[in-house]
Amino acid sequence: MLDDILERYPRKIALKAKQKYTLRPLSTEDEKGFFQFFQAIPEPEKLFIKHRVSDPKVIRQWCKKIDLGRILPLLALEGSKVVGDASLHQQLGGWKRHIGRVSVLVHPEYRGQGLGRLLIQELIDLARSIGLEKIEAEFLGEQEAAIKMFGLLGFRTLLILPDYVKDMQAVAHDYVLMGLDLKTDEEYAGVG
């Protein structure tokens, strides 16, 4: 099934403003461009990212140990420049095997053009294609714009835990978990 999904890429996409991007999975050759992408993220926002993306060793590890069956990272590229990152995480067994987790980050210079929304929709479609029944997204309470965008795409707040997580400077923040129930193609068609 994963091979069928990977056959979709690379794929050209265009937004309303006529910007053209290429979507494709992360590869081992992306290390330098992927690291540059994260360096463009403003320092205050990096505090909200779960990993130390300012450390080139973290990015190197991601690019060297790609397991597309467990984590499917998609890059949005303008030419050879990484301008967006969207990941679908899944557990291959256990009691959450039917639930994926998504994350999306867009380069600051490319925000407000619909790229984030397009990447989220791409992850929703991928999750549905591989048979996931639900997807989740995690946020810190201050990530209001991202929470709003996910809400507009059908995600609902599942829980809010006050002062539950700590950023990279050990400052406590509210933890917000949002979720979306996925319908299969048969359910959309009224079959089943």
Protein backbone atom coordinates (compact mmCIF):
# COMPACT_ATOMS: atom_id res chain seq x y z
CA MET A 1 0.00 0.00 0.00
CA LEU A 2 2.86 2.40 0.84
CA ASP A 3 4.39 1.80 -2.60
CA ASP A 4 1.10 2.82 -4.23
CA ILE A 5 1.08 6.02 -2.19
CA LEU A 6 4.69 6.84 -3.00
CA GLU A 7 3.89 6.55 -6.71
CA ARG A 8 1.97 9.86 -6.34
CA TYR A 9 5.24 11.72 -5.86
CA PRO A 10 6.92 13.86 -6.89
CA ARG A 11 3.84 15.86 -7.72
CA LYS A 12 3.43 19.44 -8.92
CA ILE A 13 0.89 21.63 -7.16
CA ALA A 14 -0.23 25.19 -7.71
CA LEU A 15 -1.98 27.54 -5.35
CA LYS A 16 -4.52 30.21 -6.25
CA ALA A 17 -1.80 32.83 -6.40
CA LYS A 18 -0.18 30.72 -9.14
CA GLN A 19 2.82 29.69 -7.06
CA LYS A 20 4.02 26.26 -8.14
CA TYR A 21 5.52 23.77 -5.76
CA THR A 22 6.68 20.18 -5.84
CA LEU A 23 5.53 17.75 -3.15
CA ARG A 24 7.66 14.69 -2.42
CA PRO A 25 8.87 12.59 0.50
CA LEU A 26 12.02 13.55 2.39
CA SER A 27 15.16 11.85 1.09
CA THR A 28 18.67 11.41 2.44
CA GLU A 29 19.90 14.10 0.02
CA ASP A 30 17.67 16.74 1.64
CA GLU A 31 19.77 17.22 4.78
CA LYS A 32 21.27 20.62 3.89
CA GLY A 33 18.06 22.13 2.49
CA PHE A 34 15.97 20.73 5.35
CA PHE A 35 18.35 22.22 7.90
CA GLN A 36 18.22 25.60 6.09
CA PHE A 37 14.41 25.43 6.19
CA PHE A 38 14.42 25.09 9.98
CA GLN A 39 16.97 27.89 10.35
CA ALA A 40 14.48 30.26 8.69
CA ILE A 41 11.93 29.60 11.44
CA PRO A 42 11.96 32.49 13.96
CA GLU A 43 13.59 31.62 17.29
CA PRO A 44 10.38 32.14 19.33
CA GLU A 45 8.59 29.60 17.10
CA LYS A 46 11.41 27.07 17.45
CA LEU A 47 10.52 26.87 21.13
CA PHE A 48 7.22 25.27 20.08
CA ILE A 49 8.88 22.52 18.02
CA LYS A 50 9.33 19.26 19.91
CA HIS A 51 12.89 18.70 18.66
CA ARG A 52 16.03 20.81 18.67
CA VAL A 53 15.90 21.71 14.98
CA SER A 54 18.75 24.20 15.42
CA ASP A 55 21.05 21.22 15.94
CA PRO A 56 22.28 19.88 12.58
CA LYS A 57 22.71 16.42 14.17
CA VAL A 58 18.93 16.20 14.69
CA ILE A 59 18.23 16.94 11.02
CA ARG A 60 21.02 14.57 9.92
CA GLN A 61 19.47 11.78 12.01
CA TRP A 62 16.04 12.40 10.44
CA CYS A 63 17.50 12.28 6.92
CA LYS A 64 19.61 9.17 7.56
CA LYS A 65 16.93 7.09 9.31
CA ILE A 66 13.89 7.56 7.11
CA ASP A 67 11.16 4.98 7.79
CA LEU A 68 8.30 5.98 5.51
CA GLY A 69 6.04 3.29 6.95
CA ARG A 70 6.22 4.90 10.39
CA ILE A 71 6.78 8.57 9.58
CA LEU A 72 5.98 9.93 6.13
CA PRO A 73 7.59 13.39 5.87
CA LEU A 74 6.52 15.35 2.79
CA LEU A 75 8.43 18.38 1.62
CA ALA A 76 7.02 21.26 -0.38
CA LEU A 77 9.72 22.69 -2.59
CA GLU A 78 9.96 25.81 -4.71
CA GLY A 79 12.67 24.76 -7.11
CA SER A 80 15.20 23.17 -4.76
CA LYS A 81 14.25 25.30 -1.73
CA VAL A 82 12.31 23.58 1.06
CA VAL A 83 9.34 25.83 1.88
CA GLY A 84 7.09 23.42 3.78
CA ASP A 85 7.25 20.24 5.83
CA ALA A 86 4.29 17.98 6.58
CA SER A 87 4.55 14.67 8.41
CA LEU A 88 2.16 11.79 8.96
CA HIS A 89 3.18 9.64 11.94
CA GLN A 90 1.65 6.26 12.62
CA GLN A 91 2.11 3.37 14.98
CA LEU A 92 2.30 0.05 13.21
CA GLY A 93 0.81 -1.88 16.11
CA GLY A 94 -0.82 -1.43 19.47
CA TRP A 95 -3.97 0.31 20.57
CA LYS A 96 -3.36 3.49 18.52
CA ARG A 97 -2.55 1.74 15.22
CA HIS A 98 -5.69 3.20 13.61
CA ILE A 99 -4.74 6.79 14.56
CA GLY A 100 -2.19 8.94 12.78
CA ARG A 101 -0.60 12.15 14.00
CA VAL A 102 0.07 15.04 11.66
CA SER A 103 2.32 18.06 11.85
CA VAL A 104 2.84 20.89 9.39
CA LEU A 105 5.32 23.77 9.24
CA VAL A 106 5.60 26.41 6.50
CA HIS A 107 8.58 28.69 5.84
CA PRO A 108 7.76 32.19 7.17
CA GLU A 109 8.11 33.79 3.72
CA TYR A 110 5.50 31.41 2.26
CA ARG A 111 2.76 31.71 4.88
CA GLY A 112 -0.67 33.16 4.20
CA GLN A 113 -0.83 31.71 0.68
CA GLY A 114 -2.69 28.49 1.43
CA LEU A 115 0.33 26.19 1.46
CA GLY A 116 -0.26 25.05 5.05
CA ARG A 117 -3.88 24.23 4.30
CA LEU A 118 -2.86 22.31 1.18
CA LEU A 119 -0.28 20.30 3.15
CA ILE A 120 -2.81 19.44 5.87
CA GLN A 121 -5.30 18.28 3.23
CA GLU A 122 -2.58 16.18 1.60
CA LEU A 123 -1.91 14.46 4.95
CA ILE A 124 -5.64 13.86 5.47
CA ASP A 125 -5.86 12.24 2.04
CA LEU A 126 -2.75 10.12 2.72
CA ALA A 127 -4.08 8.99 6.10
CA ARG A 128 -7.37 7.98 4.52
CA SER A 129 -5.52 6.14 1.71
CA ILE A 130 -3.57 3.97 4.13
CA GLY A 131 -6.67 3.08 6.12
CA LEU A 132 -6.28 5.23 9.21
CA GLU A 133 -9.56 5.99 10.96
CA LYS A 134 -8.54 9.11 12.85
CA ILE A 135 -5.78 11.67 12.86
CA GLU A 136 -4.56 13.94 15.62
CA ALA A 137 -2.57 17.14 15.80
CA GLU A 138 -0.79 18.50 18.88
CA PHE A 139 -0.28 22.15 19.78
CA LEU A 140 0.81 24.47 22.50
CA GLY A 141 -2.03 26.75 23.59
CA GLU A 142 -0.31 29.83 22.11
CA GLN A 143 -0.36 28.39 18.59
CA GLU A 144 -3.73 30.01 17.98
CA ALA A 145 -3.36 30.52 14.21
CA ALA A 146 -2.47 26.86 13.64
CA ILE A 147 -5.29 25.69 15.93
CA LYS A 148 -7.73 27.87 14.00
CA MET A 149 -6.54 26.56 10.62
CA PHE A 150 -6.87 22.94 11.70
CA GLY A 151 -10.32 23.74 13.10
CA LEU A 152 -11.40 25.16 9.74
CA LEU A 153 -10.39 21.84 8.16
CA GLY A 154 -12.67 19.86 10.48
CA PHE A 155 -10.39 19.07 13.42
CA ARG A 156 -12.02 19.47 16.82
CA THR A 157 -10.43 20.00 20.20
CA LEU A 158 -10.22 16.69 22.04
CA LEU A 159 -8.56 17.98 25.19
CA ILE A 160 -6.68 20.88 26.73
CA LEU A 161 -4.28 20.24 29.57
CA PRO A 162 -3.19 23.44 31.35
CA ASP A 163 0.58 23.89 31.87
CA TYR A 164 1.17 20.31 30.77
CA VAL A 165 4.15 20.55 28.38
CA LYS A 166 7.40 22.52 28.42
CA ASP A 167 9.08 24.24 25.51
CA MET A 168 12.81 24.08 24.76
CA GLN A 169 13.47 26.68 27.49
CA ALA A 170 11.48 24.65 30.07
CA VAL A 171 8.57 27.11 30.14
CA ALA A 172 5.21 25.41 30.78
CA HIS A 173 2.40 25.72 28.22
CA ASP A 174 -1.10 24.39 27.76
CA TYR A 175 -1.23 21.23 25.65
CA VAL A 176 -3.99 21.07 23.02
CA LEU A 177 -4.91 17.85 21.24
CA MET A 178 -7.15 18.10 18.19
CA GLY A 179 -8.58 15.23 16.17
CA LEU A 180 -10.38 14.42 12.97
CA ASP A 181 -12.43 11.30 12.19
CA LEU A 182 -11.67 10.07 8.69
CA LYS A 183 -14.35 8.73 6.44
CA THR A 184 -13.48 6.13 3.84
CA ASP A 185 -14.45 6.63 0.21
CA GLU A 186 -17.28 4.11 0.73
CA GLU A 187 -18.64 6.13 3.65
CA TYR A 188 -18.58 9.28 1.53
CA ALA A 189 -20.55 7.46 -1.16
CA GLY A 190 -23.05 6.15 1.40
CA VAL A 191 -21.97 2.53 0.95
CA GLY A 192 -21.29 0.24 3.91
